[in-house]
Amino acid sequence: MMKRFILVIIMMISTLGVYSFTSNALDAKKTSYASYYHDRFNGRKTASGEIFDNSKFTAANRTLPFGTNVKVTNLRNGKEVIVRINDRGPYGGPASRALDMSKAAFDEIGDINHGTIPVEYEIVD
């Protein structure tokens, strides 16, 4: 009887453990750094096929699907902006940067006189 009880407990713990690992990691908040696009990219085609416009609230990320809306929070001042992923990157520079934002989106939450800002970002519906 005791062996059966212990076996049931082990099975319950195992099931809960597996369940916790199957939660969607994409929905988790992540911290990183964000930069912004130089004006020379205006009018160029993005990886999604859209024409880049530095006045729209868009961003590049290496892995998130195109069209994903992401809430980006500046960790220095708490300001937030929602951007739509429409490009791949950032490439070059430090690998610690997760987002390349349009100039308008970056200016909404940070100072464009500084090239990067620490951010927290998460997917929103």
PDB file of N, CA and C in Angstrom:
ATOM      1  N   MET A   1       0.821  -1.194   0.000  1.00  0.00           N
ATOM      2  CA  MET A   1       0.000   0.000   0.000  1.00  0.00           C
ATOM      3  C   MET A   1       0.863   1.256   0.000  1.00  0.00           C
ATOM      4  N   MET A   2       1.917   1.237   0.816  1.00  0.00           N
ATOM      5  CA  MET A   2       2.794   2.396   0.916  1.00  0.00           C
ATOM      6  C   MET A   2       3.540   2.628  -0.398  1.00  0.00           C
ATOM      7  N   LYS A   3       3.948   1.530  -1.066  1.00  0.00           N
ATOM      8  CA  LYS A   3       4.645   1.657  -2.342  1.00  0.00           C
ATOM      9  C   LYS A   3       3.731   2.295  -3.391  1.00  0.00           C
ATOM     10  N   ARG A   4       2.488   1.896  -3.389  1.00  0.00           N
ATOM     11  CA  ARG A   4       1.517   2.450  -4.336  1.00  0.00           C
ATOM     12  C   ARG A   4       1.328   3.944  -4.084  1.00  0.00           C
ATOM     13  N   PHE A   5       1.230   4.342  -2.832  1.00  0.00           N
ATOM     14  CA  PHE A   5       1.073   5.747  -2.468  1.00  0.00           C
ATOM     15  C   PHE A   5       2.283   6.569  -2.939  1.00  0.00           C
ATOM     16  N   ILE A   6       3.468   6.058  -2.696  1.00  0.00           N
ATOM     17  CA  ILE A   6       4.682   6.754  -3.112  1.00  0.00           C
ATOM     18  C   ILE A   6       4.743   6.845  -4.636  1.00  0.00           C
ATOM     19  N   LEU A   7       4.359   5.782  -5.317  1.00  0.00           N
ATOM     20  CA  LEU A   7       4.342   5.779  -6.770  1.00  0.00           C
ATOM     21  C   LEU A   7       3.371   6.835  -7.307  1.00  0.00           C
ATOM     22  N   VAL A   8       2.207   6.948  -6.712  1.00  0.00           N
ATOM     23  CA  VAL A   8       1.229   7.959  -7.132  1.00  0.00           C
ATOM     24  C   VAL A   8       1.791   9.368  -6.920  1.00  0.00           C
ATOM     25  N   ILE A   9       2.432   9.599  -5.801  1.00  0.00           N
ATOM     26  CA  ILE A   9       3.030  10.911  -5.515  1.00  0.00           C
ATOM     27  C   ILE A   9       4.114  11.237  -6.542  1.00  0.00           C
ATOM     28  N   ILE A  10       4.960  10.273  -6.844  1.00  0.00           N
ATOM     29  CA  ILE A  10       6.028  10.486  -7.835  1.00  0.00           C
ATOM     30  C   ILE A  10       5.428  10.804  -9.205  1.00  0.00           C
ATOM     31  N   MET A  11       4.373  10.096  -9.579  1.00  0.00           N
ATOM     32  CA  MET A  11       3.720  10.347 -10.865  1.00  0.00           C
ATOM     33  C   MET A  11       3.118  11.751 -10.907  1.00  0.00           C
ATOM     34  N   MET A  12       2.515  12.187  -9.802  1.00  0.00           N
ATOM     35  CA  MET A  12       1.921  13.521  -9.755  1.00  0.00           C
ATOM     36  C   MET A  12       3.005  14.600  -9.891  1.00  0.00           C
ATOM     37  N   ILE A  13       4.105  14.421  -9.190  1.00  0.00           N
ATOM     38  CA  ILE A  13       5.202  15.390  -9.264  1.00  0.00           C
ATOM     39  C   ILE A  13       5.780  15.418 -10.670  1.00  0.00           C
ATOM     40  N   SER A  14       5.941  14.252 -11.273  1.00  0.00           N
ATOM     41  CA  SER A  14       6.467  14.184 -12.635  1.00  0.00           C
ATOM     42  C   SER A  14       5.541  14.884 -13.618  1.00  0.00           C
ATOM     43  N   THR A  15       4.254  14.645 -13.494  1.00  0.00           N
ATOM     44  CA  THR A  15       3.279  15.277 -14.384  1.00  0.00           C
ATOM     45  C   THR A  15       3.311  16.791 -14.236  1.00  0.00           C
ATOM     46  N   LEU A  16       3.350  17.275 -13.019  1.00  0.00           N
ATOM     47  CA  LEU A  16       3.404  18.726 -12.802  1.00  0.00           C
ATOM     48  C   LEU A  16       4.705  19.304 -13.332  1.00  0.00           C
ATOM     49  N   GLY A  17       5.789  18.593 -13.177  1.00  0.00           N
ATOM     50  CA  GLY A  17       7.081  19.053 -13.681  1.00  0.00           C
ATOM     51  C   GLY A  17       7.088  19.168 -15.187  1.00  0.00           C
ATOM     52  N   VAL A  18       6.563  18.176 -15.873  1.00  0.00           N
ATOM     53  CA  VAL A  18       6.479  18.219 -17.327  1.00  0.00           C
ATOM     54  C   VAL A  18       5.552  19.338 -17.763  1.00  0.00           C
ATOM     55  N   TYR A  19       4.443  19.522 -17.076  1.00  0.00           N
ATOM     56  CA  TYR A  19       3.503  20.584 -17.421  1.00  0.00           C
ATOM     57  C   TYR A  19       4.169  21.949 -17.319  1.00  0.00           C
ATOM     58  N   SER A  20       4.973  22.174 -16.307  1.00  0.00           N
ATOM     59  CA  SER A  20       5.604  23.479 -16.139  1.00  0.00           C
ATOM     60  C   SER A  20       6.576  23.781 -17.265  1.00  0.00           C
ATOM     61  N   PHE A  21       7.204  22.754 -17.868  1.00  0.00           N
ATOM     62  CA  PHE A  21       8.125  22.977 -18.966  1.00  0.00           C
ATOM     63  C   PHE A  21       7.420  23.152 -20.298  1.00  0.00           C
ATOM     64  N   THR A  22       6.165  22.800 -20.390  1.00  0.00           N
ATOM     65  CA  THR A  22       5.457  22.936 -21.653  1.00  0.00           C
ATOM     66  C   THR A  22       4.774  24.286 -21.802  1.00  0.00           C
ATOM     67  N   SER A  23       4.830  25.135 -20.781  1.00  0.00           N
ATOM     68  CA  SER A  23       4.244  26.460 -20.929  1.00  0.00           C
ATOM     69  C   SER A  23       5.014  27.220 -21.996  1.00  0.00           C
ATOM     70  N   ASN A  24       4.349  28.108 -22.690  1.00  0.00           N
ATOM     71  CA  ASN A  24       4.928  28.794 -23.831  1.00  0.00           C
ATOM     72  C   ASN A  24       5.998  29.787 -23.394  1.00  0.00           C
ATOM     73  N   ALA A  25       7.242  29.500 -23.697  1.00  0.00           N
ATOM     74  CA  ALA A  25       8.352  30.369 -23.300  1.00  0.00           C
ATOM     75  C   ALA A  25       8.325  31.687 -24.055  1.00  0.00           C
ATOM     76  N   LEU A  26       7.646  31.742 -25.204  1.00  0.00           N
ATOM     77  CA  LEU A  26       7.566  32.997 -25.952  1.00  0.00           C
ATOM     78  C   LEU A  26       6.785  34.064 -25.191  1.00  0.00           C
ATOM     79  N   ASP A  27       5.875  33.638 -24.309  1.00  0.00           N
ATOM     80  CA  ASP A  27       5.048  34.596 -23.585  1.00  0.00           C
ATOM     81  C   ASP A  27       5.756  35.224 -22.392  1.00  0.00           C
ATOM     82  N   ALA A  28       6.910  34.722 -22.049  1.00  0.00           N
ATOM     83  CA  ALA A  28       7.620  35.215 -20.874  1.00  0.00           C
ATOM     84  C   ALA A  28       8.220  36.590 -21.143  1.00  0.00           C
ATOM     85  N   LYS A  29       8.317  37.391 -20.087  1.00  0.00           N
ATOM     86  CA  LYS A  29       8.989  38.680 -20.188  1.00  0.00           C
ATOM     87  C   LYS A  29      10.484  38.428 -20.269  1.00  0.00           C
ATOM     88  N   LYS A  30      11.146  39.195 -21.102  1.00  0.00           N
ATOM     89  CA  LYS A  30      12.585  39.054 -21.266  1.00  0.00           C
ATOM     90  C   LYS A  30      13.232  40.423 -21.144  1.00  0.00           C
ATOM     91  N   THR A  31      14.451  40.445 -20.651  1.00  0.00           N
ATOM     92  CA  THR A  31      15.189  41.705 -20.579  1.00  0.00           C
ATOM     93  C   THR A  31      16.375  41.639 -21.529  1.00  0.00           C
ATOM     94  N   SER A  32      16.684  42.792 -22.099  1.00  0.00           N
ATOM     95  CA  SER A  32      17.784  42.881 -23.051  1.00  0.00           C
ATOM     96  C   SER A  32      18.059  44.358 -23.310  1.00  0.00           C
ATOM     97  N   TYR A  33      18.634  44.632 -24.462  1.00  0.00           N
ATOM     98  CA  TYR A  33      18.864  46.003 -24.901  1.00  0.00           C
ATOM     99  C   TYR A  33      18.197  46.203 -26.248  1.00  0.00           C
ATOM    100  N   ALA A  34      17.821  47.459 -26.510  1.00  0.00           N
ATOM    101  CA  ALA A  34      17.229  47.817 -27.794  1.00  0.00           C
ATOM    102  C   ALA A  34      18.006  48.982 -28.385  1.00  0.00           C
ATOM    103  N   SER A  35      18.083  48.995 -29.705  1.00  0.00           N
ATOM    104  CA  SER A  35      18.691  50.095 -30.439  1.00  0.00           C
ATOM    105  C   SER A  35      17.670  50.571 -31.460  1.00  0.00           C
ATOM    106  N   TYR A  36      18.062  51.530 -32.303  1.00  0.00           N
ATOM    107  CA  TYR A  36      17.127  51.988 -33.324  1.00  0.00           C
ATOM    108  C   TYR A  36      17.811  52.066 -34.684  1.00  0.00           C
ATOM    109  N   TYR A  37      16.974  52.021 -35.724  1.00  0.00           N
ATOM    110  CA  TYR A  37      17.448  52.057 -37.101  1.00  0.00           C
ATOM    111  C   TYR A  37      17.963  53.447 -37.473  1.00  0.00           C
ATOM    112  N   HIS A  38      19.010  53.476 -38.257  1.00  0.00           N
ATOM    113  CA  HIS A  38      19.510  54.722 -38.833  1.00  0.00           C
ATOM    114  C   HIS A  38      18.557  55.142 -39.959  1.00  0.00           C
ATOM    115  N   ASP A  39      18.486  56.434 -40.215  1.00  0.00           N
ATOM    116  CA  ASP A  39      17.600  56.948 -41.261  1.00  0.00           C
ATOM    117  C   ASP A  39      17.908  56.384 -42.651  1.00  0.00           C
ATOM    118  N   ARG A  40      19.123  55.915 -42.869  1.00  0.00           N
ATOM    119  CA  ARG A  40      19.483  55.416 -44.205  1.00  0.00           C
ATOM    120  C   ARG A  40      18.674  54.167 -44.594  1.00  0.00           C
ATOM    121  N   PHE A  41      18.013  53.530 -43.620  1.00  0.00           N
ATOM    122  CA  PHE A  41      17.214  52.343 -43.923  1.00  0.00           C
ATOM    123  C   PHE A  41      15.794  52.683 -44.383  1.00  0.00           C
ATOM    124  N   ASN A  42      15.386  53.953 -44.255  1.00  0.00           N
ATOM    125  CA  ASN A  42      14.058  54.361 -44.717  1.00  0.00           C
ATOM    126  C   ASN A  42      13.886  54.014 -46.192  1.00  0.00           C
ATOM    127  N   GLY A  43      12.761  53.404 -46.508  1.00  0.00           N
ATOM    128  CA  GLY A  43      12.452  53.061 -47.890  1.00  0.00           C
ATOM    129  C   GLY A  43      13.014  51.735 -48.361  1.00  0.00           C
ATOM    130  N   ARG A  44      13.835  51.097 -47.555  1.00  0.00           N
ATOM    131  CA  ARG A  44      14.375  49.789 -47.940  1.00  0.00           C
ATOM    132  C   ARG A  44      13.407  48.683 -47.547  1.00  0.00           C
ATOM    133  N   LYS A  45      13.518  47.574 -48.222  1.00  0.00           N
ATOM    134  CA  LYS A  45      12.659  46.431 -47.942  1.00  0.00           C
ATOM    135  C   LYS A  45      13.150  45.706 -46.696  1.00  0.00           C
ATOM    136  N   THR A  46      12.214  45.339 -45.807  1.00  0.00           N
ATOM    137  CA  THR A  46      12.543  44.558 -44.618  1.00  0.00           C
ATOM    138  C   THR A  46      12.515  43.068 -44.972  1.00  0.00           C
ATOM    139  N   ALA A  47      12.921  42.237 -44.037  1.00  0.00           N
ATOM    140  CA  ALA A  47      12.918  40.788 -44.260  1.00  0.00           C
ATOM    141  C   ALA A  47      11.503  40.257 -44.490  1.00  0.00           C
ATOM    142  N   SER A  48      10.496  40.964 -43.975  1.00  0.00           N
ATOM    143  CA  SER A  48       9.113  40.523 -44.172  1.00  0.00           C
ATOM    144  C   SER A  48       8.562  40.957 -45.528  1.00  0.00           C
ATOM    145  N   GLY A  49       9.313  41.801 -46.247  1.00  0.00           N
ATOM    146  CA  GLY A  49       8.851  42.295 -47.534  1.00  0.00           C
ATOM    147  C   GLY A  49       8.249  43.682 -47.477  1.00  0.00           C
ATOM    148  N   GLU A  50       8.000  44.180 -46.263  1.00  0.00           N
ATOM    149  CA  GLU A  50       7.475  45.540 -46.108  1.00  0.00           C
ATOM    150  C   GLU A  50       8.558  46.564 -46.411  1.00  0.00           C
ATOM    151  N   ILE A  51       8.125  47.754 -46.758  1.00  0.00           N
ATOM    152  CA  ILE A  51       9.056  48.865 -46.916  1.00  0.00           C
ATOM    153  C   ILE A  51       9.228  49.506 -45.546  1.00  0.00           C
ATOM    154  N   PHE A  52      10.476  49.662 -45.110  1.00  0.00           N
ATOM    155  CA  PHE A  52      10.746  50.210 -43.789  1.00  0.00           C
ATOM    156  C   PHE A  52      10.416  51.694 -43.744  1.00  0.00           C
ATOM    157  N   ASP A  53       9.776  52.093 -42.636  1.00  0.00           N
ATOM    158  CA  ASP A  53       9.415  53.493 -42.388  1.00  0.00           C
ATOM    159  C   ASP A  53       9.777  53.815 -40.945  1.00  0.00           C
ATOM    160  N   ASN A  54      10.741  54.698 -40.748  1.00  0.00           N
ATOM    161  CA  ASN A  54      11.217  55.041 -39.414  1.00  0.00           C
ATOM    162  C   ASN A  54      10.181  55.779 -38.573  1.00  0.00           C
ATOM    163  N   SER A  55       9.060  56.180 -39.170  1.00  0.00           N
ATOM    164  CA  SER A  55       8.024  56.892 -38.407  1.00  0.00           C
ATOM    165  C   SER A  55       6.948  55.950 -37.865  1.00  0.00           C
ATOM    166  N   LYS A  56       7.000  54.668 -38.249  1.00  0.00           N
ATOM    167  CA  LYS A  56       6.038  53.687 -37.727  1.00  0.00           C
ATOM    168  C   LYS A  56       6.616  52.987 -36.511  1.00  0.00           C
ATOM    169  N   PHE A  57       5.770  52.360 -35.731  1.00  0.00           N
ATOM    170  CA  PHE A  57       6.211  51.656 -34.523  1.00  0.00           C
ATOM    171  C   PHE A  57       6.446  50.186 -34.855  1.00  0.00           C
ATOM    172  N   THR A  58       7.629  49.919 -35.400  1.00  0.00           N
ATOM    173  CA  THR A  58       8.011  48.567 -35.793  1.00  0.00           C
ATOM    174  C   THR A  58       9.369  48.233 -35.196  1.00  0.00           C
ATOM    175  N   ALA A  59       9.730  46.950 -35.293  1.00  0.00           N
ATOM    176  CA  ALA A  59      11.015  46.508 -34.743  1.00  0.00           C
ATOM    177  C   ALA A  59      11.482  45.247 -35.447  1.00  0.00           C
ATOM    178  N   ALA A  60      12.758  44.971 -35.268  1.00  0.00           N
ATOM    179  CA  ALA A  60      13.368  43.734 -35.769  1.00  0.00           C
ATOM    180  C   ALA A  60      13.751  42.870 -34.580  1.00  0.00           C
ATOM    181  N   ASN A  61      13.594  41.565 -34.749  1.00  0.00           N
ATOM    182  CA  ASN A  61      14.019  40.582 -33.755  1.00  0.00           C
ATOM    183  C   ASN A  61      14.497  39.367 -34.528  1.00  0.00           C
ATOM    184  N   ARG A  62      15.430  38.639 -33.968  1.00  0.00           N
ATOM    185  CA  ARG A  62      16.009  37.502 -34.688  1.00  0.00           C
ATOM    186  C   ARG A  62      15.058  36.323 -34.839  1.00  0.00           C
ATOM    187  N   THR A  63      14.128  36.129 -33.883  1.00  0.00           N
ATOM    188  CA  THR A  63      13.340  34.888 -33.883  1.00  0.00           C
ATOM    189  C   THR A  63      11.830  35.052 -33.850  1.00  0.00           C
ATOM    190  N   LEU A  64      11.318  36.148 -33.339  1.00  0.00           N
ATOM    191  CA  LEU A  64       9.860  36.286 -33.224  1.00  0.00           C
ATOM    192  C   LEU A  64       9.214  36.336 -34.603  1.00  0.00           C
ATOM    193  N   PRO A  65       8.039  35.733 -34.756  1.00  0.00           N
ATOM    194  CA  PRO A  65       7.361  35.730 -36.061  1.00  0.00           C
ATOM    195  C   PRO A  65       6.984  37.141 -36.509  1.00  0.00           C
ATOM    196  N   PHE A  66       7.022  37.362 -37.825  1.00  0.00           N
ATOM    197  CA  PHE A  66       6.582  38.646 -38.378  1.00  0.00           C
ATOM    198  C   PHE A  66       5.129  38.887 -37.984  1.00  0.00           C
ATOM    199  N   GLY A  67       4.808  40.129 -37.669  1.00  0.00           N
ATOM    200  CA  GLY A  67       3.450  40.493 -37.273  1.00  0.00           C
ATOM    201  C   GLY A  67       3.202  40.403 -35.779  1.00  0.00           C
ATOM    202  N   THR A  68       4.153  39.877 -35.020  1.00  0.00           N
ATOM    203  CA  THR A  68       3.996  39.768 -33.567  1.00  0.00           C
ATOM    204  C   THR A  68       4.046  41.154 -32.944  1.00  0.00           C
ATOM    205  N   ASN A  69       3.074  41.450 -32.078  1.00  0.00           N
ATOM    206  CA  ASN A  69       3.084  42.710 -31.331  1.00  0.00           C
ATOM    207  C   ASN A  69       3.820  42.498 -30.019  1.00  0.00           C
ATOM    208  N   VAL A  70       4.735  43.412 -29.726  1.00  0.00           N
ATOM    209  CA  VAL A  70       5.592  43.293 -28.554  1.00  0.00           C
ATOM    210  C   VAL A  70       5.523  44.586 -27.751  1.00  0.00           C
ATOM    211  N   LYS A  71       5.265  44.446 -26.443  1.00  0.00           N
ATOM    212  CA  LYS A  71       5.320  45.611 -25.558  1.00  0.00           C
ATOM    213  C   LYS A  71       6.750  45.740 -25.065  1.00  0.00           C
ATOM    214  N   VAL A  72       7.336  46.915 -25.295  1.00  0.00           N
ATOM    215  CA  VAL A  72       8.717  47.182 -24.906  1.00  0.00           C
ATOM    216  C   VAL A  72       8.703  48.253 -23.823  1.00  0.00           C
ATOM    217  N   THR A  73       9.350  47.958 -22.701  1.00  0.00           N
ATOM    218  CA  THR A  73       9.410  48.888 -21.579  1.00  0.00           C
ATOM    219  C   THR A  73      10.853  49.299 -21.343  1.00  0.00           C
ATOM    220  N   ASN A  74      11.096  50.609 -21.297  1.00  0.00           N
ATOM    221  CA  ASN A  74      12.410  51.140 -20.973  1.00  0.00           C
ATOM    222  C   ASN A  74      12.631  50.926 -19.482  1.00  0.00           C
ATOM    223  N   LEU A  75      13.652  50.195 -19.105  1.00  0.00           N
ATOM    224  CA  LEU A  75      13.901  49.884 -17.700  1.00  0.00           C
ATOM    225  C   LEU A  75      14.431  51.074 -16.913  1.00  0.00           C
ATOM    226  N   ARG A  76      14.857  52.131 -17.589  1.00  0.00           N
ATOM    227  CA  ARG A  76      15.360  53.318 -16.885  1.00  0.00           C
ATOM    228  C   ARG A  76      14.252  54.275 -16.472  1.00  0.00           C
ATOM    229  N   ASN A  77      13.199  54.371 -17.313  1.00  0.00           N
ATOM    230  CA  ASN A  77      12.158  55.357 -17.009  1.00  0.00           C
ATOM    231  C   ASN A  77      10.746  54.774 -16.947  1.00  0.00           C
ATOM    232  N   GLY A  78      10.569  53.511 -17.246  1.00  0.00           N
ATOM    233  CA  GLY A  78       9.266  52.858 -17.167  1.00  0.00           C
ATOM    234  C   GLY A  78       8.341  53.122 -18.334  1.00  0.00           C
ATOM    235  N   LYS A  79       8.761  53.913 -19.319  1.00  0.00           N
ATOM    236  CA  LYS A  79       7.907  54.198 -20.476  1.00  0.00           C
ATOM    237  C   LYS A  79       7.758  52.953 -21.332  1.00  0.00           C
ATOM    238  N   GLU A  80       6.575  52.821 -21.948  1.00  0.00           N
ATOM    239  CA  GLU A  80       6.250  51.639 -22.747  1.00  0.00           C
ATOM    240  C   GLU A  80       5.799  52.021 -24.144  1.00  0.00           C
ATOM    241  N   VAL A  81       6.015  51.115 -25.077  1.00  0.00           N
ATOM    242  CA  VAL A  81       5.529  51.269 -26.439  1.00  0.00           C
ATOM    243  C   VAL A  81       5.239  49.872 -26.986  1.00  0.00           C
ATOM    244  N   ILE A  82       4.278  49.784 -27.888  1.00  0.00           N
ATOM    245  CA  ILE A  82       3.984  48.511 -28.555  1.00  0.00           C
ATOM    246  C   ILE A  82       4.474  48.621 -29.987  1.00  0.00           C
ATOM    247  N   VAL A  83       5.288  47.652 -30.384  1.00  0.00           N
ATOM    248  CA  VAL A  83       5.840  47.610 -31.741  1.00  0.00           C
ATOM    249  C   VAL A  83       5.422  46.305 -32.402  1.00  0.00           C
ATOM    250  N   ARG A  84       5.434  46.325 -33.723  1.00  0.00           N
ATOM    251  CA  ARG A  84       5.127  45.123 -34.504  1.00  0.00           C
ATOM    252  C   ARG A  84       6.418  44.639 -35.162  1.00  0.00           C
ATOM    253  N   ILE A  85       6.720  43.357 -35.026  1.00  0.00           N
ATOM    254  CA  ILE A  85       7.926  42.783 -35.620  1.00  0.00           C
ATOM    255  C   ILE A  85       7.726  42.650 -37.132  1.00  0.00           C
ATOM    256  N   ASN A  86       8.615  43.305 -37.904  1.00  0.00           N
ATOM    257  CA  ASN A  86       8.515  43.214 -39.366  1.00  0.00           C
ATOM    258  C   ASN A  86       9.873  43.005 -40.035  1.00  0.00           C
ATOM    259  N   ASP A  87      10.900  42.730 -39.224  1.00  0.00           N
ATOM    260  CA  ASP A  87      12.232  42.565 -39.795  1.00  0.00           C
ATOM    261  C   ASP A  87      13.058  41.623 -38.920  1.00  0.00           C
ATOM    262  N   ARG A  88      14.191  41.186 -39.427  1.00  0.00           N
ATOM    263  CA  ARG A  88      15.126  40.343 -38.688  1.00  0.00           C
ATOM    264  C   ARG A  88      16.314  41.183 -38.241  1.00  0.00           C
ATOM    265  N   GLY A  89      16.844  40.851 -37.110  1.00  0.00           N
ATOM    266  CA  GLY A  89      17.991  41.575 -36.575  1.00  0.00           C
ATOM    267  C   GLY A  89      17.795  41.734 -35.084  1.00  0.00           C
ATOM    268  N   PRO A  90      18.565  42.465 -34.387  1.00  0.00           N
ATOM    269  CA  PRO A  90      19.711  43.225 -34.890  1.00  0.00           C
ATOM    270  C   PRO A  90      20.916  42.329 -35.125  1.00  0.00           C
ATOM    271  N   TYR A  91      21.668  42.680 -36.146  1.00  0.00           N
ATOM    272  CA  TYR A  91      22.903  41.976 -36.469  1.00  0.00           C
ATOM    273  C   TYR A  91      24.053  42.957 -36.324  1.00  0.00           C
ATOM    274  N   GLY A  92      25.224  42.435 -36.043  1.00  0.00           N
ATOM    275  CA  GLY A  92      26.370  43.308 -35.793  1.00  0.00           C
ATOM    276  C   GLY A  92      26.261  43.866 -34.387  1.00  0.00           C
ATOM    277  N   GLY A  93      27.318  44.396 -33.895  1.00  0.00           N
ATOM    278  CA  GLY A  93      27.299  44.936 -32.542  1.00  0.00           C
ATOM    279  C   GLY A  93      27.176  43.830 -31.516  1.00  0.00           C
ATOM    280  N   PRO A  94      26.897  44.218 -30.279  1.00  0.00           N
ATOM    281  CA  PRO A  94      26.817  43.202 -29.219  1.00  0.00           C
ATOM    282  C   PRO A  94      25.617  42.277 -29.392  1.00  0.00           C
ATOM    283  N   ALA A  95      25.810  41.011 -29.079  1.00  0.00           N
ATOM    284  CA  ALA A  95      24.729  40.026 -29.189  1.00  0.00           C
ATOM    285  C   ALA A  95      23.679  40.233 -28.107  1.00  0.00           C
ATOM    286  N   SER A  96      23.940  41.130 -27.154  1.00  0.00           N
ATOM    287  CA  SER A  96      22.994  41.353 -26.069  1.00  0.00           C
ATOM    288  C   SER A  96      21.771  42.144 -26.514  1.00  0.00           C
ATOM    289  N   ARG A  97      21.813  42.738 -27.702  1.00  0.00           N
ATOM    290  CA  ARG A  97      20.647  43.483 -28.191  1.00  0.00           C
ATOM    291  C   ARG A  97      19.630  42.525 -28.786  1.00  0.00           C
ATOM    292  N   ALA A  98      18.391  42.630 -28.334  1.00  0.00           N
ATOM    293  CA  ALA A  98      17.331  41.752 -28.841  1.00  0.00           C
ATOM    294  C   ALA A  98      16.442  42.454 -29.853  1.00  0.00           C
ATOM    295  N   LEU A  99      16.396  43.787 -29.815  1.00  0.00           N
ATOM    296  CA  LEU A  99      15.482  44.535 -30.679  1.00  0.00           C
ATOM    297  C   LEU A  99      16.195  45.684 -31.370  1.00  0.00           C
ATOM    298  N   ASP A 100      15.865  45.873 -32.628  1.00  0.00           N
ATOM    299  CA  ASP A 100      16.213  47.072 -33.380  1.00  0.00           C
ATOM    300  C   ASP A 100      14.877  47.749 -33.647  1.00  0.00           C
ATOM    301  N   MET A 101      14.648  48.889 -33.033  1.00  0.00           N
ATOM    302  CA  MET A 101      13.351  49.556 -33.141  1.00  0.00           C
ATOM    303  C   MET A 101      13.409  50.687 -34.158  1.00  0.00           C
ATOM    304  N   SER A 102      12.245  51.029 -34.709  1.00  0.00           N
ATOM    305  CA  SER A 102      12.180  52.210 -35.556  1.00  0.00           C
ATOM    306  C   SER A 102      12.511  53.426 -34.686  1.00  0.00           C
ATOM    307  N   LYS A 103      12.934  54.484 -35.338  1.00  0.00           N
ATOM    308  CA  LYS A 103      13.317  55.692 -34.607  1.00  0.00           C
ATOM    309  C   LYS A 103      12.134  56.254 -33.823  1.00  0.00           C
ATOM    310  N   ALA A 104      10.933  56.226 -34.399  1.00  0.00           N
ATOM    311  CA  ALA A 104       9.747  56.744 -33.723  1.00  0.00           C
ATOM    312  C   ALA A 104       9.442  55.959 -32.454  1.00  0.00           C
ATOM    313  N   ALA A 105       9.533  54.641 -32.518  1.00  0.00           N
ATOM    314  CA  ALA A 105       9.252  53.803 -31.352  1.00  0.00           C
ATOM    315  C   ALA A 105      10.309  54.007 -30.277  1.00  0.00           C
ATOM    316  N   PHE A 106      11.567  54.064 -30.673  1.00  0.00           N
ATOM    317  CA  PHE A 106      12.658  54.269 -29.722  1.00  0.00           C
ATOM    318  C   PHE A 106      12.511  55.627 -29.039  1.00  0.00           C
ATOM    319  N   ASP A 107      12.202  56.657 -29.826  1.00  0.00           N
ATOM    320  CA  ASP A 107      12.050  58.016 -29.291  1.00  0.00           C
ATOM    321  C   ASP A 107      10.870  58.116 -28.326  1.00  0.00           C
ATOM    322  N   GLU A 108       9.872  57.267 -28.508  1.00  0.00           N
ATOM    323  CA  GLU A 108       8.696  57.252 -27.627  1.00  0.00           C
ATOM    324  C   GLU A 108       9.064  56.865 -26.192  1.00  0.00           C
ATOM    325  N   ILE A 109      10.059  55.988 -26.045  1.00  0.00           N
ATOM    326  CA  ILE A 109      10.400  55.511 -24.697  1.00  0.00           C
ATOM    327  C   ILE A 109      11.809  55.884 -24.243  1.00  0.00           C
ATOM    328  N   GLY A 110      12.628  56.365 -25.162  1.00  0.00           N
ATOM    329  CA  GLY A 110      14.010  56.670 -24.804  1.00  0.00           C
ATOM    330  C   GLY A 110      14.507  57.928 -25.490  1.00  0.00           C
ATOM    331  N   ASP A 111      15.784  58.158 -25.384  1.00  0.00           N
ATOM    332  CA  ASP A 111      16.433  59.330 -25.955  1.00  0.00           C
ATOM    333  C   ASP A 111      17.283  58.878 -27.134  1.00  0.00           C
ATOM    334  N   ILE A 112      16.975  59.405 -28.330  1.00  0.00           N
ATOM    335  CA  ILE A 112      17.707  58.954 -29.515  1.00  0.00           C
ATOM    336  C   ILE A 112      19.163  59.425 -29.518  1.00  0.00           C
ATOM    337  N   ASN A 113      19.537  60.262 -28.551  1.00  0.00           N
ATOM    338  CA  ASN A 113      20.945  60.650 -28.422  1.00  0.00           C
ATOM    339  C   ASN A 113      21.772  59.528 -27.804  1.00  0.00           C
ATOM    340  N   HIS A 114      21.092  58.519 -27.253  1.00  0.00           N
ATOM    341  CA  HIS A 114      21.756  57.338 -26.717  1.00  0.00           C
ATOM    342  C   HIS A 114      21.431  56.177 -27.649  1.00  0.00           C
ATOM    343  N   GLY A 115      22.416  55.432 -28.053  1.00  0.00           N
ATOM    344  CA  GLY A 115      22.230  54.381 -29.057  1.00  0.00           C
ATOM    345  C   GLY A 115      21.455  53.175 -28.599  1.00  0.00           C
ATOM    346  N   THR A 116      21.545  52.837 -27.304  1.00  0.00           N
ATOM    347  CA  THR A 116      20.839  51.667 -26.792  1.00  0.00           C
ATOM    348  C   THR A 116      20.223  51.984 -25.441  1.00  0.00           C
ATOM    349  N   ILE A 117      19.197  51.230 -25.108  1.00  0.00           N
ATOM    350  CA  ILE A 117      18.570  51.340 -23.795  1.00  0.00           C
ATOM    351  C   ILE A 117      18.274  49.938 -23.276  1.00  0.00           C
ATOM    352  N   PRO A 118      18.325  49.762 -21.954  1.00  0.00           N
ATOM    353  CA  PRO A 118      17.917  48.466 -21.395  1.00  0.00           C
ATOM    354  C   PRO A 118      16.393  48.379 -21.419  1.00  0.00           C
ATOM    355  N   VAL A 119      15.890  47.248 -21.878  1.00  0.00           N
ATOM    356  CA  VAL A 119      14.444  47.086 -22.020  1.00  0.00           C
ATOM    357  C   VAL A 119      13.980  45.744 -21.475  1.00  0.00           C
ATOM    358  N   GLU A 120      12.692  45.699 -21.184  1.00  0.00           N
ATOM    359  CA  GLU A 120      11.989  44.451 -20.931  1.00  0.00           C
ATOM    360  C   GLU A 120      10.960  44.360 -22.046  1.00  0.00           C
ATOM    361  N   TYR A 121      10.796  43.170 -22.629  1.00  0.00           N
ATOM    362  CA  TYR A 121       9.820  43.043 -23.705  1.00  0.00           C
ATOM    363  C   TYR A 121       9.029  41.755 -23.544  1.00  0.00           C
ATOM    364  N   GLU A 122       7.773  41.824 -24.004  1.00  0.00           N
ATOM    365  CA  GLU A 122       6.896  40.661 -23.945  1.00  0.00           C
ATOM    366  C   GLU A 122       5.884  40.724 -25.076  1.00  0.00           C
ATOM    367  N   ILE A 123       5.442  39.575 -25.520  1.00  0.00           N
ATOM    368  CA  ILE A 123       4.449  39.481 -26.574  1.00  0.00           C
ATOM    369  C   ILE A 123       3.092  39.882 -26.014  1.00  0.00           C
ATOM    370  N   VAL A 124       2.352  40.676 -26.803  1.00  0.00           N
ATOM    371  CA  VAL A 124       0.994  41.053 -26.443  1.00  0.00           C
ATOM    372  C   VAL A 124       0.064  40.679 -27.595  1.00  0.00           C
ATOM    373  N   ASP A 125      -1.201  40.517 -27.286  1.00  0.00           N
ATOM    374  CA  ASP A 125      -2.182  40.157 -28.334  1.00  0.00           C
ATOM    375  C   ASP A 125      -2.700  41.380 -29.045  1.00  0.00           C
TER     376      ASP A 125
END
